[in-house]
Amino acid sequence: MPGFNTEIKRLAAVFHVQTQDVGPSARCVESLIYKSGRLLSSRKADYTSSLGSPNLPARVREIMEEQHNGILREIAEGRFDHFLTPEERRSIPDEG
């Protein structure tokens, strides 16, 4: 099953999010979050409880979409701003 690859801009930074099904032997979906080619974080979602289900491919795809889109939302909300460089941080609007 093909995965998802998305580049998302947050302020002056570009993050890359890659989500894929690691396969039935690993029984998980994995998402990798990169910035400037550096791996920042990873997330795994186990789907062991869905093994043997006739709709396994659809369930795995649903897990992939939910996890991938959730990470994109978190980046857009600033939850990965601690990875920004000082230059990238300068583009954060002042609050107040």
PDB file of N, CA and C in Angstrom:
ATOM      1  N   MET A   1       0.846  -1.171   0.000  1.00  0.00           N
ATOM      2  CA  MET A   1       0.000   0.000   0.000  1.00  0.00           C
ATOM      3  C   MET A   1       0.894   1.237   0.000  1.00  0.00           C
ATOM      4  N   PRO A   2       0.649   2.163  -0.924  1.00  0.00           N
ATOM      5  CA  PRO A   2       1.467   3.372  -0.952  1.00  0.00           C
ATOM      6  C   PRO A   2       1.227   4.222   0.288  1.00  0.00           C
ATOM      7  N   GLY A   3       2.256   4.940   0.674  1.00  0.00           N
ATOM      8  CA  GLY A   3       2.166   5.805   1.842  1.00  0.00           C
ATOM      9  C   GLY A   3       1.889   7.241   1.452  1.00  0.00           C
ATOM     10  N   PHE A   4       2.067   8.118   2.422  1.00  0.00           N
ATOM     11  CA  PHE A   4       1.844   9.547   2.215  1.00  0.00           C
ATOM     12  C   PHE A   4       3.145  10.290   2.450  1.00  0.00           C
ATOM     13  N   ASN A   5       3.419  11.277   1.614  1.00  0.00           N
ATOM     14  CA  ASN A   5       4.558  12.172   1.762  1.00  0.00           C
ATOM     15  C   ASN A   5       4.047  13.585   1.569  1.00  0.00           C
ATOM     16  N   THR A   6       4.231  14.422   2.585  1.00  0.00           N
ATOM     17  CA  THR A   6       3.728  15.790   2.521  1.00  0.00           C
ATOM     18  C   THR A   6       4.783  16.747   3.044  1.00  0.00           C
ATOM     19  N   GLU A   7       4.988  17.833   2.315  1.00  0.00           N
ATOM     20  CA  GLU A   7       5.802  18.930   2.822  1.00  0.00           C
ATOM     21  C   GLU A   7       4.846  20.009   3.289  1.00  0.00           C
ATOM     22  N   ILE A   8       5.093  20.523   4.497  1.00  0.00           N
ATOM     23  CA  ILE A   8       4.238  21.551   5.067  1.00  0.00           C
ATOM     24  C   ILE A   8       5.114  22.686   5.584  1.00  0.00           C
ATOM     25  N   LYS A   9       4.754  23.890   5.182  1.00  0.00           N
ATOM     26  CA  LYS A   9       5.511  25.063   5.615  1.00  0.00           C
ATOM     27  C   LYS A   9       4.919  25.582   6.911  1.00  0.00           C
ATOM     28  N   ARG A  10       5.786  25.870   7.850  1.00  0.00           N
ATOM     29  CA  ARG A  10       5.400  26.489   9.116  1.00  0.00           C
ATOM     30  C   ARG A  10       6.360  27.637   9.340  1.00  0.00           C
ATOM     31  N   LEU A  11       5.839  28.864   9.254  1.00  0.00           N
ATOM     32  CA  LEU A  11       6.652  30.064   9.352  1.00  0.00           C
ATOM     33  C   LEU A  11       7.731  30.000   8.276  1.00  0.00           C
ATOM     34  N   ALA A  12       9.020  30.057   8.640  1.00  0.00           N
ATOM     35  CA  ALA A  12      10.081  30.033   7.633  1.00  0.00           C
ATOM     36  C   ALA A  12      10.663  28.635   7.437  1.00  0.00           C
ATOM     37  N   ALA A  13      10.047  27.627   8.024  1.00  0.00           N
ATOM     38  CA  ALA A  13      10.578  26.261   7.952  1.00  0.00           C
ATOM     39  C   ALA A  13       9.669  25.373   7.114  1.00  0.00           C
ATOM     40  N   VAL A  14      10.273  24.346   6.534  1.00  0.00           N
ATOM     41  CA  VAL A  14       9.508  23.336   5.804  1.00  0.00           C
ATOM     42  C   VAL A  14       9.752  21.994   6.490  1.00  0.00           C
ATOM     43  N   PHE A  15       8.669  21.363   6.892  1.00  0.00           N
ATOM     44  CA  PHE A  15       8.713  20.037   7.497  1.00  0.00           C
ATOM     45  C   PHE A  15       8.263  19.027   6.447  1.00  0.00           C
ATOM     46  N   HIS A  16       8.813  17.837   6.529  1.00  0.00           N
ATOM     47  CA  HIS A  16       8.410  16.748   5.641  1.00  0.00           C
ATOM     48  C   HIS A  16       7.864  15.625   6.517  1.00  0.00           C
ATOM     49  N   VAL A  17       6.664  15.160   6.193  1.00  0.00           N
ATOM     50  CA  VAL A  17       6.037  14.077   6.951  1.00  0.00           C
ATOM     51  C   VAL A  17       5.831  12.895   6.016  1.00  0.00           C
ATOM     52  N   GLN A  18       6.329  11.746   6.427  1.00  0.00           N
ATOM     53  CA  GLN A  18       6.224  10.515   5.643  1.00  0.00           C
ATOM     54  C   GLN A  18       5.513   9.475   6.498  1.00  0.00           C
ATOM     55  N   THR A  19       4.436   8.909   5.978  1.00  0.00           N
ATOM     56  CA  THR A  19       3.678   7.889   6.706  1.00  0.00           C
ATOM     57  C   THR A  19       3.540   6.659   5.824  1.00  0.00           C
ATOM     58  N   GLN A  20       3.776   5.485   6.414  1.00  0.00           N
ATOM     59  CA  GLN A  20       3.695   4.245   5.645  1.00  0.00           C
ATOM     60  C   GLN A  20       3.286   3.088   6.537  1.00  0.00           C
ATOM     61  N   ASP A  21       2.759   2.064   5.909  1.00  0.00           N
ATOM     62  CA  ASP A  21       2.485   0.803   6.587  1.00  0.00           C
ATOM     63  C   ASP A  21       3.799   0.039   6.609  1.00  0.00           C
ATOM     64  N   VAL A  22       4.303  -0.257   7.784  1.00  0.00           N
ATOM     65  CA  VAL A  22       5.572  -0.968   7.892  1.00  0.00           C
ATOM     66  C   VAL A  22       5.408  -2.418   7.456  1.00  0.00           C
ATOM     67  N   GLY A  23       4.182  -2.933   7.501  1.00  0.00           N
ATOM     68  CA  GLY A  23       3.898  -4.276   7.015  1.00  0.00           C
ATOM     69  C   GLY A  23       3.300  -5.167   8.084  1.00  0.00           C
ATOM     70  N   PRO A  24       2.670  -6.260   7.637  1.00  0.00           N
ATOM     71  CA  PRO A  24       1.993  -7.157   8.577  1.00  0.00           C
ATOM     72  C   PRO A  24       2.919  -7.757   9.634  1.00  0.00           C
ATOM     73  N   SER A  25       4.175  -7.975   9.299  1.00  0.00           N
ATOM     74  CA  SER A  25       5.082  -8.549  10.301  1.00  0.00           C
ATOM     75  C   SER A  25       5.363  -7.557  11.430  1.00  0.00           C
ATOM     76  N   ALA A  26       5.406  -6.275  11.109  1.00  0.00           N
ATOM     77  CA  ALA A  26       5.625  -5.241  12.132  1.00  0.00           C
ATOM     78  C   ALA A  26       4.310  -4.795  12.760  1.00  0.00           C
ATOM     79  N   ARG A  27       3.216  -4.964  12.011  1.00  0.00           N
ATOM     80  CA  ARG A  27       1.869  -4.646  12.499  1.00  0.00           C
ATOM     81  C   ARG A  27       1.712  -3.209  12.952  1.00  0.00           C
ATOM     82  N   CYS A  28       2.308  -2.292  12.198  1.00  0.00           N
ATOM     83  CA  CYS A  28       2.162  -0.894  12.586  1.00  0.00           C
ATOM     84  C   CYS A  28       2.296   0.036  11.390  1.00  0.00           C
ATOM     85  N   VAL A  29       1.750   1.210  11.596  1.00  0.00           N
ATOM     86  CA  VAL A  29       1.898   2.332  10.683  1.00  0.00           C
ATOM     87  C   VAL A  29       2.931   3.244  11.329  1.00  0.00           C
ATOM     88  N   GLU A  30       3.874   3.737  10.529  1.00  0.00           N
ATOM     89  CA  GLU A  30       4.921   4.602  11.060  1.00  0.00           C
ATOM     90  C   GLU A  30       4.927   5.926  10.317  1.00  0.00           C
ATOM     91  N   SER A  31       5.051   7.000  11.081  1.00  0.00           N
ATOM     92  CA  SER A  31       5.201   8.335  10.508  1.00  0.00           C
ATOM     93  C   SER A  31       6.543   8.893  10.949  1.00  0.00           C
ATOM     94  N   LEU A  32       7.246   9.503   9.999  1.00  0.00           N
ATOM     95  CA  LEU A  32       8.536  10.128  10.266  1.00  0.00           C
ATOM     96  C   LEU A  32       8.410  11.611   9.962  1.00  0.00           C
ATOM     97  N   ILE A  33       8.916  12.456  10.860  1.00  0.00           N
ATOM     98  CA  ILE A  33       8.838  13.903  10.692  1.00  0.00           C
ATOM     99  C   ILE A  33      10.261  14.427  10.528  1.00  0.00           C
ATOM    100  N   TYR A  34      10.506  15.105   9.402  1.00  0.00           N
ATOM    101  CA  TYR A  34      11.828  15.631   9.069  1.00  0.00           C
ATOM    102  C   TYR A  34      11.780  17.148   8.911  1.00  0.00           C
ATOM    103  N   LYS A  35      12.931  17.774   9.141  1.00  0.00           N
ATOM    104  CA  LYS A  35      13.147  19.177   8.772  1.00  0.00           C
ATOM    105  C   LYS A  35      14.591  19.288   8.328  1.00  0.00           C
ATOM    106  N   SER A  36      14.799  19.854   7.163  1.00  0.00           N
ATOM    107  CA  SER A  36      16.140  20.010   6.595  1.00  0.00           C
ATOM    108  C   SER A  36      16.877  18.674   6.514  1.00  0.00           C
ATOM    109  N   GLY A  37      16.150  17.610   6.173  1.00  0.00           N
ATOM    110  CA  GLY A  37      16.748  16.297   6.013  1.00  0.00           C
ATOM    111  C   GLY A  37      17.050  15.568   7.310  1.00  0.00           C
ATOM    112  N   ARG A  38      16.747  16.184   8.443  1.00  0.00           N
ATOM    113  CA  ARG A  38      17.038  15.591   9.752  1.00  0.00           C
ATOM    114  C   ARG A  38      15.767  15.001  10.348  1.00  0.00           C
ATOM    115  N   LEU A  39      15.855  13.760  10.786  1.00  0.00           N
ATOM    116  CA  LEU A  39      14.715  13.120  11.436  1.00  0.00           C
ATOM    117  C   LEU A  39      14.505  13.759  12.802  1.00  0.00           C
ATOM    118  N   LEU A  40      13.309  14.324  13.007  1.00  0.00           N
ATOM    119  CA  LEU A  40      12.991  14.988  14.263  1.00  0.00           C
ATOM    120  C   LEU A  40      12.240  14.080  15.223  1.00  0.00           C
ATOM    121  N   SER A  41      11.334  13.299  14.670  1.00  0.00           N
ATOM    122  CA  SER A  41      10.453  12.503  15.512  1.00  0.00           C
ATOM    123  C   SER A  41       9.832  11.390  14.679  1.00  0.00           C
ATOM    124  N   SER A  42       9.340  10.381  15.367  1.00  0.00           N
ATOM    125  CA  SER A  42       8.606   9.316  14.689  1.00  0.00           C
ATOM    126  C   SER A  42       7.432   8.907  15.568  1.00  0.00           C
ATOM    127  N   ARG A  43       6.421   8.373  14.913  1.00  0.00           N
ATOM    128  CA  ARG A  43       5.240   7.876  15.622  1.00  0.00           C
ATOM    129  C   ARG A  43       4.843   6.546  15.013  1.00  0.00           C
ATOM    130  N   LYS A  44       4.388   5.663  15.871  1.00  0.00           N
ATOM    131  CA  LYS A  44       3.902   4.365  15.400  1.00  0.00           C
ATOM    132  C   LYS A  44       2.500   4.133  15.941  1.00  0.00           C
ATOM    133  N   ALA A  45       1.676   3.525  15.114  1.00  0.00           N
ATOM    134  CA  ALA A  45       0.326   3.135  15.518  1.00  0.00           C
ATOM    135  C   ALA A  45       0.180   1.645  15.237  1.00  0.00           C
ATOM    136  N   ASP A  46      -0.040   0.885  16.268  1.00  0.00           N
ATOM    137  CA  ASP A  46      -0.165  -0.563  16.169  1.00  0.00           C
ATOM    138  C   ASP A  46      -1.547  -0.941  15.625  1.00  0.00           C
ATOM    139  N   TYR A  47      -1.586  -1.929  14.736  1.00  0.00           N
ATOM    140  CA  TYR A  47      -2.882  -2.398  14.249  1.00  0.00           C
ATOM    141  C   TYR A  47      -3.053  -3.906  14.442  1.00  0.00           C
ATOM    142  N   THR A  48      -2.391  -4.447  15.453  1.00  0.00           N
ATOM    143  CA  THR A  48      -2.493  -5.873  15.754  1.00  0.00           C
ATOM    144  C   THR A  48      -3.941  -6.306  15.945  1.00  0.00           C
ATOM    145  N   SER A  49      -4.737  -5.471  16.607  1.00  0.00           N
ATOM    146  CA  SER A  49      -6.125  -5.851  16.896  1.00  0.00           C
ATOM    147  C   SER A  49      -6.969  -5.988  15.629  1.00  0.00           C
ATOM    148  N   SER A  50      -6.497  -5.448  14.514  1.00  0.00           N
ATOM    149  CA  SER A  50      -7.249  -5.536  13.253  1.00  0.00           C
ATOM    150  C   SER A  50      -6.788  -6.683  12.360  1.00  0.00           C
ATOM    151  N   LEU A  51      -5.713  -7.378  12.744  1.00  0.00           N
ATOM    152  CA  LEU A  51      -5.229  -8.495  11.925  1.00  0.00           C
ATOM    153  C   LEU A  51      -6.309  -9.561  11.831  1.00  0.00           C
ATOM    154  N   GLY A  52      -6.454 -10.154  10.671  1.00  0.00           N
ATOM    155  CA  GLY A  52      -7.473 -11.168  10.447  1.00  0.00           C
ATOM    156  C   GLY A  52      -8.811 -10.587  10.042  1.00  0.00           C
ATOM    157  N   SER A  53      -8.922  -9.286  10.096  1.00  0.00           N
ATOM    158  CA  SER A  53     -10.170  -8.622   9.701  1.00  0.00           C
ATOM    159  C   SER A  53     -10.275  -8.600   8.179  1.00  0.00           C
ATOM    160  N   PRO A  54     -11.475  -8.840   7.631  1.00  0.00           N
ATOM    161  CA  PRO A  54     -11.616  -8.799   6.175  1.00  0.00           C
ATOM    162  C   PRO A  54     -11.398  -7.392   5.608  1.00  0.00           C
ATOM    163  N   ASN A  55     -11.546  -6.379   6.440  1.00  0.00           N
ATOM    164  CA  ASN A  55     -11.351  -5.009   5.955  1.00  0.00           C
ATOM    165  C   ASN A  55     -10.019  -4.432   6.433  1.00  0.00           C
ATOM    166  N   LEU A  56      -9.020  -5.302   6.639  1.00  0.00           N
ATOM    167  CA  LEU A  56      -7.712  -4.855   7.119  1.00  0.00           C
ATOM    168  C   LEU A  56      -7.107  -3.759   6.242  1.00  0.00           C
ATOM    169  N   PRO A  57      -7.065  -3.902   4.915  1.00  0.00           N
ATOM    170  CA  PRO A  57      -6.462  -2.830   4.110  1.00  0.00           C
ATOM    171  C   PRO A  57      -7.143  -1.474   4.321  1.00  0.00           C
ATOM    172  N   ALA A  58      -8.460  -1.467   4.409  1.00  0.00           N
ATOM    173  CA  ALA A  58      -9.175  -0.205   4.626  1.00  0.00           C
ATOM    174  C   ALA A  58      -8.871   0.358   6.010  1.00  0.00           C
ATOM    175  N   ARG A  59      -8.773  -0.512   7.006  1.00  0.00           N
ATOM    176  CA  ARG A  59      -8.476  -0.053   8.372  1.00  0.00           C
ATOM    177  C   ARG A  59      -7.067   0.511   8.454  1.00  0.00           C
ATOM    178  N   VAL A  60      -6.103  -0.142   7.817  1.00  0.00           N
ATOM    179  CA  VAL A  60      -4.722   0.350   7.819  1.00  0.00           C
ATOM    180  C   VAL A  60      -4.661   1.708   7.132  1.00  0.00           C
ATOM    181  N   ARG A  61      -5.357   1.847   6.020  1.00  0.00           N
ATOM    182  CA  ARG A  61      -5.372   3.137   5.314  1.00  0.00           C
ATOM    183  C   ARG A  61      -5.981   4.225   6.199  1.00  0.00           C
ATOM    184  N   GLU A  62      -7.034   3.895   6.919  1.00  0.00           N
ATOM    185  CA  GLU A  62      -7.673   4.856   7.821  1.00  0.00           C
ATOM    186  C   GLU A  62      -6.704   5.293   8.929  1.00  0.00           C
ATOM    187  N   ILE A  63      -5.987   4.339   9.499  1.00  0.00           N
ATOM    188  CA  ILE A  63      -4.998   4.655  10.535  1.00  0.00           C
ATOM    189  C   ILE A  63      -3.913   5.556   9.959  1.00  0.00           C
ATOM    190  N   MET A  64      -3.444   5.226   8.743  1.00  0.00           N
ATOM    191  CA  MET A  64      -2.414   6.041   8.095  1.00  0.00           C
ATOM    192  C   MET A  64      -2.898   7.474   7.906  1.00  0.00           C
ATOM    193  N   GLU A  65      -4.106   7.633   7.377  1.00  0.00           N
ATOM    194  CA  GLU A  65      -4.647   8.969   7.124  1.00  0.00           C
ATOM    195  C   GLU A  65      -4.811   9.758   8.419  1.00  0.00           C
ATOM    196  N   GLU A  66      -5.367   9.119   9.446  1.00  0.00           N
ATOM    197  CA  GLU A  66      -5.580   9.808  10.723  1.00  0.00           C
ATOM    198  C   GLU A  66      -4.258  10.255  11.340  1.00  0.00           C
ATOM    199  N   GLN A  67      -3.278   9.370  11.343  1.00  0.00           N
ATOM    200  CA  GLN A  67      -1.993   9.712  11.942  1.00  0.00           C
ATOM    201  C   GLN A  67      -1.293  10.802  11.141  1.00  0.00           C
ATOM    202  N   HIS A  68      -1.258  10.662   9.825  1.00  0.00           N
ATOM    203  CA  HIS A  68      -0.582  11.631   8.964  1.00  0.00           C
ATOM    204  C   HIS A  68      -1.227  13.013   9.097  1.00  0.00           C
ATOM    205  N   ASN A  69      -2.544  13.063   8.971  1.00  0.00           N
ATOM    206  CA  ASN A  69      -3.244  14.346   9.055  1.00  0.00           C
ATOM    207  C   ASN A  69      -3.140  14.959  10.447  1.00  0.00           C
ATOM    208  N   GLY A  70      -3.113  14.129  11.477  1.00  0.00           N
ATOM    209  CA  GLY A  70      -2.940  14.634  12.836  1.00  0.00           C
ATOM    210  C   GLY A  70      -1.595  15.313  13.023  1.00  0.00           C
ATOM    211  N   ILE A  71      -0.548  14.728  12.471  1.00  0.00           N
ATOM    212  CA  ILE A  71       0.786  15.330  12.567  1.00  0.00           C
ATOM    213  C   ILE A  71       0.824  16.643  11.798  1.00  0.00           C
ATOM    214  N   LEU A  72       0.221  16.679  10.613  1.00  0.00           N
ATOM    215  CA  LEU A  72       0.184  17.928   9.844  1.00  0.00           C
ATOM    216  C   LEU A  72      -0.515  19.028  10.639  1.00  0.00           C
ATOM    217  N   ARG A  73      -1.616  18.688  11.316  1.00  0.00           N
ATOM    218  CA  ARG A  73      -2.322  19.672  12.156  1.00  0.00           C
ATOM    219  C   ARG A  73      -1.423  20.164  13.289  1.00  0.00           C
ATOM    220  N   GLU A  74      -0.719  19.244  13.927  1.00  0.00           N
ATOM    221  CA  GLU A  74       0.173  19.623  15.024  1.00  0.00           C
ATOM    222  C   GLU A  74       1.264  20.575  14.553  1.00  0.00           C
ATOM    223  N   ILE A  75       1.828  20.319  13.384  1.00  0.00           N
ATOM    224  CA  ILE A  75       2.851  21.222  12.843  1.00  0.00           C
ATOM    225  C   ILE A  75       2.237  22.590  12.594  1.00  0.00           C
ATOM    226  N   ALA A  76       1.074  22.633  11.957  1.00  0.00           N
ATOM    227  CA  ALA A  76       0.403  23.904  11.659  1.00  0.00           C
ATOM    228  C   ALA A  76       0.061  24.674  12.935  1.00  0.00           C
ATOM    229  N   GLU A  77      -0.232  23.962  14.017  1.00  0.00           N
ATOM    230  CA  GLU A  77      -0.569  24.595  15.301  1.00  0.00           C
ATOM    231  C   GLU A  77       0.665  25.046  16.078  1.00  0.00           C
ATOM    232  N   GLY A  78       1.861  24.710  15.597  1.00  0.00           N
ATOM    233  CA  GLY A  78       3.084  25.144  16.261  1.00  0.00           C
ATOM    234  C   GLY A  78       3.651  24.169  17.273  1.00  0.00           C
ATOM    235  N   ARG A  79       3.158  22.955  17.295  1.00  0.00           N
ATOM    236  CA  ARG A  79       3.634  21.992  18.294  1.00  0.00           C
ATOM    237  C   ARG A  79       5.037  21.459  18.012  1.00  0.00           C
ATOM    238  N   PHE A  80       5.585  21.800  16.848  1.00  0.00           N
ATOM    239  CA  PHE A  80       6.958  21.416  16.524  1.00  0.00           C
ATOM    240  C   PHE A  80       7.862  22.645  16.427  1.00  0.00           C
ATOM    241  N   ASP A  81       7.372  23.789  16.909  1.00  0.00           N
ATOM    242  CA  ASP A  81       8.153  25.024  16.825  1.00  0.00           C
ATOM    243  C   ASP A  81       9.454  24.959  17.618  1.00  0.00           C
ATOM    244  N   HIS A  82       9.551  24.063  18.588  1.00  0.00           N
ATOM    245  CA  HIS A  82      10.796  23.937  19.350  1.00  0.00           C
ATOM    246  C   HIS A  82      11.949  23.425  18.477  1.00  0.00           C
ATOM    247  N   PHE A  83      11.649  22.952  17.281  1.00  0.00           N
ATOM    248  CA  PHE A  83      12.693  22.525  16.349  1.00  0.00           C
ATOM    249  C   PHE A  83      13.139  23.654  15.415  1.00  0.00           C
ATOM    250  N   LEU A  84      12.517  24.820  15.515  1.00  0.00           N
ATOM    251  CA  LEU A  84      12.864  25.933  14.634  1.00  0.00           C
ATOM    252  C   LEU A  84      14.197  26.545  15.037  1.00  0.00           C
ATOM    253  N   THR A  85      14.925  27.034  14.044  1.00  0.00           N
ATOM    254  CA  THR A  85      16.167  27.759  14.307  1.00  0.00           C
ATOM    255  C   THR A  85      15.811  29.169  14.774  1.00  0.00           C
ATOM    256  N   PRO A  86      16.777  29.901  15.344  1.00  0.00           N
ATOM    257  CA  PRO A  86      16.493  31.290  15.738  1.00  0.00           C
ATOM    258  C   PRO A  86      15.979  32.131  14.560  1.00  0.00           C
ATOM    259  N   GLU A  87      16.537  31.913  13.381  1.00  0.00           N
ATOM    260  CA  GLU A  87      16.089  32.665  12.202  1.00  0.00           C
ATOM    261  C   GLU A  87      14.639  32.329  11.861  1.00  0.00           C
ATOM    262  N   GLU A  88      14.305  31.054  11.939  1.00  0.00           N
ATOM    263  CA  GLU A  88      12.928  30.637  11.650  1.00  0.00           C
ATOM    264  C   GLU A  88      11.964  31.151  12.719  1.00  0.00           C
ATOM    265  N   ARG A  89      12.430  31.246  13.958  1.00  0.00           N
ATOM    266  CA  ARG A  89      11.589  31.741  15.054  1.00  0.00           C
ATOM    267  C   ARG A  89      11.266  33.223  14.895  1.00  0.00           C
ATOM    268  N   ARG A  90      12.139  33.968  14.262  1.00  0.00           N
ATOM    269  CA  ARG A  90      11.910  35.410  14.103  1.00  0.00           C
ATOM    270  C   ARG A  90      10.639  35.715  13.335  1.00  0.00           C
ATOM    271  N   SER A  91      10.155  34.763  12.595  1.00  0.00           N
ATOM    272  CA  SER A  91       8.938  35.014  11.821  1.00  0.00           C
ATOM    273  C   SER A  91       7.671  34.687  12.611  1.00  0.00           C
ATOM    274  N   ILE A  92       7.814  34.339  13.919  1.00  0.00           N
ATOM    275  CA  ILE A  92       6.643  34.102  14.764  1.00  0.00           C
ATOM    276  C   ILE A  92       6.067  35.454  15.170  1.00  0.00           C
ATOM    277  N   PRO A  93       4.789  35.694  14.905  1.00  0.00           N
ATOM    278  CA  PRO A  93       4.199  36.983  15.281  1.00  0.00           C
ATOM    279  C   PRO A  93       4.196  37.162  16.800  1.00  0.00           C
ATOM    280  N   ASP A  94       4.429  38.392  17.227  1.00  0.00           N
ATOM    281  CA  ASP A  94       4.359  38.708  18.659  1.00  0.00           C
ATOM    282  C   ASP A  94       2.936  38.564  19.142  1.00  0.00           C
ATOM    283  N   GLU A  95       2.792  38.006  20.339  1.00  0.00           N
ATOM    284  CA  GLU A  95       1.462  37.906  20.944  1.00  0.00           C
ATOM    285  C   GLU A  95       1.316  39.049  21.936  1.00  0.00           C
ATOM    286  N   GLY A  96       0.122  39.600  22.001  1.00  0.00           N
ATOM    287  CA  GLY A  96      -0.079  40.621  23.010  1.00  0.00           C
ATOM    288  C   GLY A  96      -0.897  41.757  22.588  1.00  0.00           C
TER     289      GLY A  96
END
